[in-house]
Amino acid sequence: MALKRHTKVMSEMGMSSMTDLVFLLLIFFLITSTLVNPNALKLLLPKSTGQVSAKATVSVSVKDWNDGTYTYHLNGSEQWVPFGQVEDELVELLQTEEDPTFSIYADESVPVKEIVALMNIAKRNHYKVILATQAE
């Protein structure tokens, strides 16, 4: 008499623990993404009702020190760059971008000529530029 055992390997996997893990990762990334501050300098931006959906990969911040001097900071860095080197730094940072775009974060008290000088850099190098503002 030949008795055979029929054992099947269960190929199913419980998905409840996987959904819990994905949910926890989603919460983690949502919380940490709100902590990321793209503009580390404290600037008082002008107010505007228009919003742009384009994303800039590089930011240039112009800080007014209220004594007639302005400093330029790339990507929110505390280290300032002289205006004569801003164009070279931008070219270096944006050379690999397919659609090079940078944003300008300027204090409310920065004169327009300083902002226009940065826009001229964008025009010379065929970059797109975004002027950052606060929402009203």
N, C-alpha and C. Protein backbone atom coordinates (compact mmCIF):
# COMPACT_ATOMS: atom_id res chain seq x y z
N MET A 1 0.83 -1.15 0.00
CA MET A 1 0.00 0.00 0.00
C MET A 1 0.90 1.24 0.00
N ALA A 2 0.69 2.02 -1.01
CA ALA A 2 1.51 3.22 -1.19
C ALA A 2 0.72 4.45 -0.74
N LEU A 3 1.14 4.98 0.36
CA LEU A 3 0.51 6.20 0.86
C LEU A 3 1.40 7.39 0.51
N LYS A 4 0.79 8.40 -0.09
CA LYS A 4 1.56 9.58 -0.47
C LYS A 4 1.07 10.78 0.32
N ARG A 5 2.00 11.56 0.68
CA ARG A 5 1.63 12.81 1.36
C ARG A 5 1.55 13.92 0.34
N HIS A 6 0.54 14.67 0.45
CA HIS A 6 0.38 15.82 -0.44
C HIS A 6 0.61 17.09 0.37
N THR A 7 1.80 17.63 0.26
CA THR A 7 2.09 18.89 0.96
C THR A 7 2.34 19.96 -0.10
N LYS A 8 1.69 21.06 0.09
CA LYS A 8 1.84 22.18 -0.82
C LYS A 8 2.56 23.30 -0.09
N VAL A 9 3.44 23.92 -0.81
CA VAL A 9 4.13 25.07 -0.25
C VAL A 9 3.24 26.30 -0.45
N MET A 10 3.04 27.03 0.63
CA MET A 10 2.21 28.23 0.54
C MET A 10 3.05 29.36 -0.06
N SER A 11 2.64 29.85 -1.19
CA SER A 11 3.39 30.91 -1.86
C SER A 11 2.80 32.29 -1.58
N GLU A 12 1.82 32.37 -0.73
CA GLU A 12 1.22 33.65 -0.40
C GLU A 12 2.02 34.34 0.69
N MET A 13 1.94 35.66 0.66
CA MET A 13 2.66 36.43 1.66
C MET A 13 1.70 37.44 2.27
N GLY A 14 1.76 37.62 3.55
CA GLY A 14 0.88 38.58 4.21
C GLY A 14 1.27 40.01 3.85
N MET A 15 0.31 40.79 3.38
CA MET A 15 0.59 42.16 2.92
C MET A 15 0.29 43.21 3.99
N SER A 16 -0.28 42.83 5.09
CA SER A 16 -0.64 43.84 6.10
C SER A 16 0.60 44.50 6.69
N SER A 17 1.65 43.73 6.93
CA SER A 17 2.86 44.35 7.48
C SER A 17 3.54 45.24 6.44
N MET A 18 3.43 44.88 5.16
CA MET A 18 4.02 45.70 4.10
C MET A 18 3.28 47.03 3.99
N THR A 19 1.96 47.02 4.09
CA THR A 19 1.22 48.29 4.02
C THR A 19 1.50 49.16 5.23
N ASP A 20 1.70 48.56 6.39
CA ASP A 20 2.07 49.33 7.58
C ASP A 20 3.41 50.01 7.37
N LEU A 21 4.35 49.28 6.82
CA LEU A 21 5.68 49.83 6.57
C LEU A 21 5.63 50.98 5.57
N VAL A 22 4.89 50.83 4.48
CA VAL A 22 4.75 51.89 3.47
C VAL A 22 4.08 53.11 4.08
N PHE A 23 3.08 52.91 4.90
CA PHE A 23 2.39 54.01 5.56
C PHE A 23 3.34 54.78 6.48
N LEU A 24 4.15 54.06 7.26
CA LEU A 24 5.12 54.72 8.14
C LEU A 24 6.18 55.48 7.35
N LEU A 25 6.64 54.92 6.25
CA LEU A 25 7.61 55.63 5.41
C LEU A 25 6.98 56.89 4.80
N LEU A 26 5.74 56.81 4.39
CA LEU A 26 5.05 57.98 3.84
C LEU A 26 4.96 59.09 4.88
N ILE A 27 4.59 58.75 6.09
CA ILE A 27 4.52 59.75 7.16
C ILE A 27 5.90 60.34 7.43
N PHE A 28 6.92 59.50 7.46
CA PHE A 28 8.28 59.98 7.72
C PHE A 28 8.71 60.99 6.66
N PHE A 29 8.49 60.69 5.38
CA PHE A 29 8.93 61.59 4.32
C PHE A 29 8.09 62.87 4.28
N LEU A 30 6.83 62.79 4.62
CA LEU A 30 6.01 64.00 4.68
C LEU A 30 6.48 64.94 5.78
N ILE A 31 6.83 64.39 6.92
CA ILE A 31 7.30 65.23 8.03
C ILE A 31 8.66 65.81 7.73
N THR A 32 9.59 65.01 7.21
CA THR A 32 10.94 65.52 6.95
C THR A 32 10.96 66.50 5.79
N SER A 33 10.05 66.37 4.83
CA SER A 33 10.06 67.32 3.71
C SER A 33 9.61 68.70 4.15
N THR A 34 8.81 68.81 5.20
CA THR A 34 8.40 70.12 5.69
C THR A 34 9.52 70.79 6.48
N LEU A 35 10.48 70.03 6.95
CA LEU A 35 11.59 70.60 7.70
C LEU A 35 12.68 71.16 6.81
N VAL A 36 12.69 70.79 5.54
CA VAL A 36 13.71 71.27 4.61
C VAL A 36 13.39 72.71 4.26
N ASN A 37 14.36 73.59 4.48
CA ASN A 37 14.17 75.02 4.20
C ASN A 37 15.10 75.40 3.06
N PRO A 38 14.57 75.69 1.86
CA PRO A 38 15.45 75.98 0.73
C PRO A 38 16.16 77.32 0.85
N ASN A 39 15.67 78.19 1.70
CA ASN A 39 16.27 79.51 1.83
C ASN A 39 16.69 79.69 3.27
N ALA A 40 17.95 79.44 3.59
CA ALA A 40 18.42 79.48 4.96
C ALA A 40 18.60 80.90 5.47
N LEU A 41 18.75 81.86 4.58
CA LEU A 41 18.89 83.25 4.99
C LEU A 41 17.53 83.82 5.34
N LYS A 42 17.49 84.68 6.35
CA LYS A 42 16.25 85.32 6.74
C LYS A 42 16.05 86.55 5.85
N LEU A 43 15.15 86.44 4.87
CA LEU A 43 14.87 87.52 3.95
C LEU A 43 13.41 87.91 4.06
N LEU A 44 13.14 89.18 3.93
CA LEU A 44 11.78 89.68 3.89
C LEU A 44 11.41 89.87 2.43
N LEU A 45 10.71 88.88 1.84
CA LEU A 45 10.40 88.90 0.42
C LEU A 45 9.18 89.78 0.14
N PRO A 46 9.13 90.41 -1.04
CA PRO A 46 7.94 91.17 -1.40
C PRO A 46 6.75 90.23 -1.57
N LYS A 47 5.55 90.78 -1.45
CA LYS A 47 4.33 89.98 -1.56
C LYS A 47 3.80 89.99 -2.98
N SER A 48 3.18 88.88 -3.38
CA SER A 48 2.63 88.76 -4.73
C SER A 48 1.47 87.77 -4.72
N THR A 49 0.55 87.94 -5.66
CA THR A 49 -0.55 86.98 -5.78
C THR A 49 -0.26 85.91 -6.81
N GLY A 50 0.67 86.14 -7.71
CA GLY A 50 1.00 85.16 -8.75
C GLY A 50 1.97 84.12 -8.24
N GLN A 51 1.73 82.88 -8.63
CA GLN A 51 2.61 81.78 -8.26
C GLN A 51 3.07 81.07 -9.51
N VAL A 52 4.34 80.65 -9.52
CA VAL A 52 4.93 79.96 -10.67
C VAL A 52 5.07 78.49 -10.31
N SER A 53 4.75 77.62 -11.26
CA SER A 53 4.84 76.19 -10.99
C SER A 53 6.21 75.61 -11.35
N ALA A 54 7.05 76.39 -12.02
CA ALA A 54 8.38 75.90 -12.42
C ALA A 54 9.27 75.74 -11.19
N LYS A 55 10.15 74.77 -11.24
CA LYS A 55 11.08 74.52 -10.15
C LYS A 55 12.48 74.94 -10.57
N ALA A 56 13.10 75.76 -9.76
CA ALA A 56 14.48 76.17 -10.02
C ALA A 56 15.42 75.26 -9.25
N THR A 57 16.54 74.92 -9.87
CA THR A 57 17.50 74.04 -9.20
C THR A 57 18.52 74.82 -8.40
N VAL A 58 18.72 76.08 -8.73
CA VAL A 58 19.70 76.92 -8.05
C VAL A 58 19.00 78.19 -7.58
N SER A 59 19.39 78.67 -6.40
CA SER A 59 18.82 79.92 -5.91
C SER A 59 19.94 80.91 -5.62
N VAL A 60 19.65 82.19 -5.89
CA VAL A 60 20.58 83.27 -5.57
C VAL A 60 19.84 84.20 -4.61
N SER A 61 20.38 84.36 -3.42
CA SER A 61 19.79 85.24 -2.42
C SER A 61 20.60 86.52 -2.35
N VAL A 62 19.89 87.65 -2.32
CA VAL A 62 20.54 88.96 -2.21
C VAL A 62 20.14 89.54 -0.86
N LYS A 63 21.13 89.74 -0.02
CA LYS A 63 20.90 90.24 1.34
C LYS A 63 21.32 91.69 1.42
N ASP A 64 20.43 92.53 1.95
CA ASP A 64 20.69 93.95 2.16
C ASP A 64 21.13 94.13 3.61
N TRP A 65 22.30 94.71 3.81
CA TRP A 65 22.83 94.91 5.16
C TRP A 65 22.52 96.31 5.68
N ASN A 66 21.68 97.07 4.97
CA ASN A 66 21.23 98.41 5.37
C ASN A 66 22.36 99.41 5.55
N ASP A 67 23.50 99.16 4.93
CA ASP A 67 24.59 100.12 4.95
C ASP A 67 25.12 100.35 3.53
N GLY A 68 24.30 100.03 2.55
CA GLY A 68 24.70 100.22 1.15
C GLY A 68 25.43 99.03 0.57
N THR A 69 25.59 97.94 1.32
CA THR A 69 26.26 96.75 0.80
C THR A 69 25.25 95.62 0.65
N TYR A 70 25.48 94.81 -0.37
CA TYR A 70 24.61 93.68 -0.67
C TYR A 70 25.51 92.45 -0.84
N THR A 71 25.08 91.34 -0.28
CA THR A 71 25.83 90.10 -0.43
C THR A 71 24.98 89.10 -1.21
N TYR A 72 25.66 88.26 -1.96
CA TYR A 72 25.01 87.27 -2.81
C TYR A 72 25.34 85.88 -2.29
N HIS A 73 24.31 85.07 -2.08
CA HIS A 73 24.48 83.73 -1.52
C HIS A 73 23.84 82.73 -2.48
N LEU A 74 24.59 81.70 -2.85
CA LEU A 74 24.08 80.68 -3.77
C LEU A 74 23.52 79.51 -2.98
N ASN A 75 22.32 79.07 -3.33
CA ASN A 75 21.64 77.93 -2.71
C ASN A 75 21.50 78.07 -1.20
N GLY A 76 21.27 79.29 -0.72
CA GLY A 76 21.02 79.52 0.70
C GLY A 76 22.24 79.37 1.58
N SER A 77 23.41 79.36 1.00
CA SER A 77 24.64 79.20 1.77
C SER A 77 24.92 80.45 2.61
N GLU A 78 25.49 80.25 3.79
CA GLU A 78 25.88 81.39 4.63
C GLU A 78 27.10 82.11 4.04
N GLN A 79 27.91 81.38 3.27
CA GLN A 79 29.09 81.96 2.63
C GLN A 79 28.67 82.81 1.45
N TRP A 80 29.04 84.08 1.44
CA TRP A 80 28.63 84.96 0.34
C TRP A 80 29.65 84.93 -0.78
N VAL A 81 29.17 85.27 -1.97
CA VAL A 81 29.99 85.27 -3.18
C VAL A 81 30.00 86.69 -3.73
N PRO A 82 31.17 87.23 -4.10
CA PRO A 82 31.19 88.57 -4.71
C PRO A 82 30.42 88.56 -6.03
N PHE A 83 29.81 89.70 -6.37
CA PHE A 83 28.98 89.76 -7.57
C PHE A 83 29.77 89.39 -8.82
N GLY A 84 31.04 89.70 -8.88
CA GLY A 84 31.85 89.36 -10.04
C GLY A 84 31.98 87.86 -10.27
N GLN A 85 31.79 87.06 -9.23
CA GLN A 85 31.91 85.61 -9.34
C GLN A 85 30.57 84.90 -9.44
N VAL A 86 29.48 85.63 -9.29
CA VAL A 86 28.15 85.00 -9.31
C VAL A 86 27.88 84.33 -10.66
N GLU A 87 28.22 85.01 -11.75
CA GLU A 87 27.95 84.43 -13.08
C GLU A 87 28.75 83.16 -13.29
N ASP A 88 30.03 83.16 -12.91
CA ASP A 88 30.85 81.95 -13.07
C ASP A 88 30.29 80.79 -12.24
N GLU A 89 29.86 81.08 -11.02
CA GLU A 89 29.30 80.04 -10.16
C GLU A 89 27.99 79.49 -10.75
N LEU A 90 27.16 80.39 -11.27
CA LEU A 90 25.90 79.95 -11.88
C LEU A 90 26.14 79.08 -13.11
N VAL A 91 27.09 79.48 -13.94
CA VAL A 91 27.41 78.69 -15.13
C VAL A 91 27.88 77.30 -14.71
N GLU A 92 28.69 77.23 -13.68
CA GLU A 92 29.20 75.94 -13.21
C GLU A 92 28.07 75.07 -12.65
N LEU A 93 27.17 75.68 -11.89
CA LEU A 93 26.08 74.90 -11.28
C LEU A 93 25.02 74.47 -12.29
N LEU A 94 24.81 75.26 -13.33
CA LEU A 94 23.73 74.98 -14.27
C LEU A 94 24.18 74.37 -15.59
N GLN A 95 25.46 74.05 -15.73
CA GLN A 95 25.96 73.55 -17.01
C GLN A 95 25.38 72.19 -17.38
N THR A 96 25.00 71.38 -16.42
CA THR A 96 24.48 70.05 -16.73
C THR A 96 22.96 70.02 -16.81
N GLU A 97 22.30 71.13 -16.55
CA GLU A 97 20.83 71.17 -16.55
C GLU A 97 20.29 71.22 -17.97
N GLU A 98 19.21 70.50 -18.19
CA GLU A 98 18.57 70.49 -19.50
C GLU A 98 17.80 71.80 -19.74
N ASP A 99 17.11 72.27 -18.70
CA ASP A 99 16.36 73.52 -18.77
C ASP A 99 16.84 74.40 -17.62
N PRO A 100 17.99 75.10 -17.79
CA PRO A 100 18.59 75.83 -16.66
C PRO A 100 17.70 76.97 -16.18
N THR A 101 17.38 76.92 -14.90
CA THR A 101 16.53 77.92 -14.26
C THR A 101 17.09 78.21 -12.89
N PHE A 102 17.15 79.50 -12.53
CA PHE A 102 17.51 79.83 -11.15
C PHE A 102 16.53 80.85 -10.62
N SER A 103 16.41 80.85 -9.30
CA SER A 103 15.47 81.76 -8.66
C SER A 103 16.24 82.81 -7.87
N ILE A 104 15.65 84.00 -7.81
CA ILE A 104 16.25 85.13 -7.10
C ILE A 104 15.42 85.39 -5.85
N TYR A 105 16.06 85.30 -4.70
CA TYR A 105 15.44 85.66 -3.43
C TYR A 105 16.10 86.96 -2.99
N ALA A 106 15.34 88.05 -3.01
CA ALA A 106 15.91 89.35 -2.66
C ALA A 106 15.07 90.00 -1.57
N ASP A 107 15.75 90.67 -0.63
CA ASP A 107 15.06 91.45 0.38
C ASP A 107 14.19 92.50 -0.28
N GLU A 108 13.15 92.95 0.43
CA GLU A 108 12.29 94.02 -0.09
C GLU A 108 13.08 95.30 -0.33
N SER A 109 14.11 95.52 0.46
CA SER A 109 14.86 96.78 0.39
C SER A 109 15.98 96.77 -0.65
N VAL A 110 16.19 95.65 -1.34
CA VAL A 110 17.23 95.59 -2.37
C VAL A 110 16.77 96.39 -3.57
N PRO A 111 17.62 97.31 -4.07
CA PRO A 111 17.23 98.10 -5.24
C PRO A 111 17.02 97.23 -6.48
N VAL A 112 16.19 97.71 -7.37
CA VAL A 112 15.86 96.97 -8.58
C VAL A 112 17.09 96.75 -9.44
N LYS A 113 18.05 97.68 -9.41
CA LYS A 113 19.23 97.52 -10.26
C LYS A 113 20.05 96.29 -9.89
N GLU A 114 20.02 95.90 -8.61
CA GLU A 114 20.74 94.69 -8.20
C GLU A 114 20.04 93.45 -8.76
N ILE A 115 18.73 93.46 -8.76
CA ILE A 115 17.96 92.33 -9.29
C ILE A 115 18.10 92.26 -10.80
N VAL A 116 18.07 93.42 -11.46
CA VAL A 116 18.21 93.46 -12.91
C VAL A 116 19.60 92.97 -13.33
N ALA A 117 20.60 93.24 -12.52
CA ALA A 117 21.95 92.74 -12.83
C ALA A 117 21.96 91.21 -12.85
N LEU A 118 21.23 90.58 -11.92
CA LEU A 118 21.13 89.12 -11.93
C LEU A 118 20.31 88.63 -13.12
N MET A 119 19.29 89.38 -13.49
CA MET A 119 18.49 89.00 -14.66
C MET A 119 19.30 89.12 -15.95
N ASN A 120 20.22 90.08 -16.00
CA ASN A 120 21.10 90.20 -17.16
C ASN A 120 22.03 89.00 -17.29
N ILE A 121 22.45 88.46 -16.16
CA ILE A 121 23.26 87.23 -16.19
C ILE A 121 22.45 86.10 -16.83
N ALA A 122 21.17 86.02 -16.44
CA ALA A 122 20.31 84.98 -17.01
C ALA A 122 20.13 85.18 -18.50
N LYS A 123 19.97 86.43 -18.92
CA LYS A 123 19.78 86.71 -20.35
C LYS A 123 21.03 86.36 -21.16
N ARG A 124 22.21 86.73 -20.65
CA ARG A 124 23.46 86.44 -21.37
C ARG A 124 23.67 84.94 -21.56
N ASN A 125 23.26 84.15 -20.57
CA ASN A 125 23.51 82.71 -20.60
C ASN A 125 22.29 81.90 -21.01
N HIS A 126 21.21 82.57 -21.43
CA HIS A 126 19.98 81.91 -21.86
C HIS A 126 19.38 81.04 -20.77
N TYR A 127 19.35 81.57 -19.54
CA TYR A 127 18.73 80.89 -18.41
C TYR A 127 17.34 81.46 -18.19
N LYS A 128 16.49 80.66 -17.60
CA LYS A 128 15.21 81.15 -17.13
C LYS A 128 15.41 81.63 -15.70
N VAL A 129 14.65 82.64 -15.31
CA VAL A 129 14.81 83.19 -13.97
C VAL A 129 13.45 83.35 -13.31
N ILE A 130 13.40 83.09 -12.01
CA ILE A 130 12.19 83.23 -11.21
C ILE A 130 12.49 84.20 -10.08
N LEU A 131 11.65 85.19 -9.91
CA LEU A 131 11.79 86.13 -8.79
C LEU A 131 10.88 85.65 -7.68
N ALA A 132 11.46 85.23 -6.56
CA ALA A 132 10.69 84.67 -5.45
C ALA A 132 9.97 85.76 -4.69
N THR A 133 8.73 85.48 -4.32
CA THR A 133 7.92 86.41 -3.52
C THR A 133 7.17 85.62 -2.46
N GLN A 134 6.59 86.35 -1.51
CA GLN A 134 5.73 85.72 -0.52
C GLN A 134 4.30 85.78 -1.03
N ALA A 135 3.51 84.77 -0.68
CA ALA A 135 2.11 84.79 -1.05
C ALA A 135 1.36 85.80 -0.17
N GLU A 136 0.41 86.49 -0.76
CA GLU A 136 -0.37 87.46 0.01
C GLU A 136 -1.43 86.77 0.81
